[in-house]
Amino acid sequence: MAKLGSLDELKKYAAARSVGRADKTVLAVGAATCGIAAGAKDTIKALEDAIKANGVSGAEVVETGCLGFCYAEPLVEVRAPGAVPVRYAGVDAALARRIIKEHIIGGAVVEGAILSKEVPR
């Protein structure tokens, strides 16, 4: 790989390889060892089941590596087009269903479950 010569080149490189998509909401679930040990596989299944049960289109669940907050696993990061990414902590099956209904369908974050929101640049 060629060396990157500037911050702008790095930003372009990162954007081209981003898990987020311009046409779809991505629910990234931390599925490294810490996430799996905390129940991420059950979280993934609950999210997928809720998407299907509610007939949601335009959203997909993806497994990702560690999101850096092992103490708060299972983590789900919601990356919606044009919105600031939101990270939810301690996502069990019940919270996964709430995320789909309240955040993905309803458009409102699930208060009390947010680990962090990224600051827009």
Protein backbone atom coordinates (compact mmCIF):
# COMPACT_ATOMS: atom_id res chain seq x y z
CA MET A 1 0.00 0.00 0.00
CA ALA A 2 1.23 3.48 -0.82
CA LYS A 3 1.96 5.87 2.02
CA LEU A 4 -0.63 8.48 2.83
CA GLY A 5 0.78 11.98 2.58
CA SER A 6 -1.84 14.09 4.37
CA LEU A 7 -4.77 14.08 6.74
CA ASP A 8 -7.13 14.61 3.79
CA GLU A 9 -5.79 11.47 2.12
CA LEU A 10 -6.32 9.54 5.36
CA LYS A 11 -9.91 10.81 5.62
CA LYS A 12 -10.63 9.78 2.02
CA TYR A 13 -9.08 6.36 2.63
CA ALA A 14 -11.13 5.83 5.80
CA ALA A 15 -14.37 7.01 4.16
CA ALA A 16 -13.88 4.60 1.26
CA ARG A 17 -13.57 1.69 3.68
CA SER A 18 -16.21 2.73 6.20
CA VAL A 19 -18.68 0.16 7.51
CA GLY A 20 -21.37 2.85 7.34
CA ARG A 21 -23.25 3.28 4.10
CA ALA A 22 -24.90 6.27 2.51
CA ASP A 23 -28.01 4.28 1.56
CA LYS A 24 -28.51 2.08 4.60
CA THR A 25 -28.53 2.17 8.37
CA VAL A 26 -25.85 -0.10 9.77
CA LEU A 27 -26.08 -1.62 13.23
CA ALA A 28 -22.51 -2.61 14.06
CA VAL A 29 -22.27 -5.08 16.93
CA GLY A 30 -18.97 -5.49 18.73
CA ALA A 31 -18.26 -9.18 18.26
CA ALA A 32 -14.68 -9.53 19.43
CA THR A 33 -13.94 -11.93 22.29
CA CYS A 34 -15.22 -9.50 24.93
CA GLY A 35 -18.47 -8.88 23.04
CA ILE A 36 -19.12 -12.55 22.41
CA ALA A 37 -18.45 -13.37 26.05
CA ALA A 38 -20.98 -10.72 27.08
CA GLY A 39 -23.70 -12.04 24.75
CA ALA A 40 -23.17 -10.32 21.39
CA LYS A 41 -24.37 -13.37 19.43
CA ASP A 42 -27.75 -13.17 21.21
CA THR A 43 -27.83 -9.42 20.56
CA ILE A 44 -27.18 -9.97 16.85
CA LYS A 45 -29.96 -12.53 16.62
CA ALA A 46 -32.40 -10.26 18.50
CA LEU A 47 -31.62 -7.31 16.20
CA GLU A 48 -32.02 -9.44 13.07
CA ASP A 49 -35.27 -10.96 14.38
CA ALA A 50 -36.67 -7.51 15.27
CA ILE A 51 -35.76 -6.13 11.84
CA LYS A 52 -37.55 -9.03 10.19
CA ALA A 53 -40.56 -9.00 12.55
CA ASN A 54 -41.11 -5.27 11.99
CA GLY A 55 -40.56 -5.41 8.22
CA VAL A 56 -37.70 -2.92 8.39
CA SER A 57 -35.91 -2.30 5.11
CA GLY A 58 -32.79 -0.23 4.71
CA ALA A 59 -31.07 -1.54 7.84
CA GLU A 60 -28.49 -4.25 8.26
CA VAL A 61 -26.68 -5.84 11.18
CA VAL A 62 -22.94 -6.34 10.85
CA GLU A 63 -20.42 -7.89 13.19
CA THR A 64 -17.36 -5.80 13.88
CA GLY A 65 -14.31 -6.11 16.06
CA CYS A 66 -13.79 -4.43 19.38
CA LEU A 67 -15.34 -0.97 19.67
CA GLY A 68 -13.03 -0.15 22.56
CA PHE A 69 -15.44 -0.24 25.48
CA CYS A 70 -15.14 -3.82 26.71
CA TYR A 71 -16.72 -3.01 30.06
CA ALA A 72 -19.95 -1.99 28.30
CA GLU A 73 -20.46 -5.00 26.02
CA PRO A 74 -22.54 -6.01 24.17
CA LEU A 75 -22.26 -2.78 22.21
CA VAL A 76 -24.31 -1.69 19.23
CA GLU A 77 -23.34 1.31 17.14
CA VAL A 78 -26.13 2.72 14.97
CA ARG A 79 -24.79 4.42 11.85
CA ALA A 80 -27.67 6.04 10.01
CA PRO A 81 -27.18 8.05 6.82
CA GLY A 82 -26.75 11.72 7.63
CA ALA A 83 -26.85 11.18 11.40
CA VAL A 84 -24.27 11.15 14.15
CA PRO A 85 -23.36 7.55 15.13
CA VAL A 86 -24.86 6.46 18.45
CA ARG A 87 -23.40 3.69 20.64
CA TYR A 88 -25.61 1.67 22.95
CA ALA A 89 -24.17 -0.29 25.89
CA GLY A 90 -25.30 -3.50 27.54
CA VAL A 91 -27.58 -4.43 24.65
CA ASP A 92 -29.55 -7.53 25.53
CA ALA A 93 -32.50 -8.90 23.51
CA ALA A 94 -35.03 -6.54 25.10
CA LEU A 95 -32.91 -3.45 24.44
CA ALA A 96 -32.19 -4.68 20.90
CA ARG A 97 -35.94 -4.76 20.20
CA ARG A 98 -36.30 -1.23 21.66
CA ILE A 99 -33.46 0.05 19.47
CA ILE A 100 -35.23 -1.25 16.37
CA LYS A 101 -38.65 0.13 17.36
CA GLU A 102 -37.62 3.44 18.92
CA HIS A 103 -34.43 4.40 17.08
CA ILE A 104 -34.61 2.71 13.69
CA ILE A 105 -38.37 2.91 13.12
CA GLY A 106 -39.27 5.83 15.39
CA GLY A 107 -36.21 7.98 14.80
CA ALA A 108 -35.54 8.70 18.49
CA VAL A 109 -32.55 7.51 20.47
CA VAL A 110 -33.23 5.15 23.37
CA GLU A 111 -32.42 7.39 26.33
CA GLY A 112 -30.68 5.78 29.28
CA ALA A 113 -28.94 3.22 27.09
CA ILE A 114 -26.56 5.50 25.19
CA LEU A 115 -22.86 4.99 25.79
CA SER A 116 -21.84 7.83 23.47
CA LYS A 117 -22.59 9.93 20.43
CA GLU A 118 -19.85 11.05 18.09
CA VAL A 119 -19.34 14.76 17.78
CA PRO A 120 -20.06 15.94 14.22
CA ARG A 121 -17.12 17.58 12.47
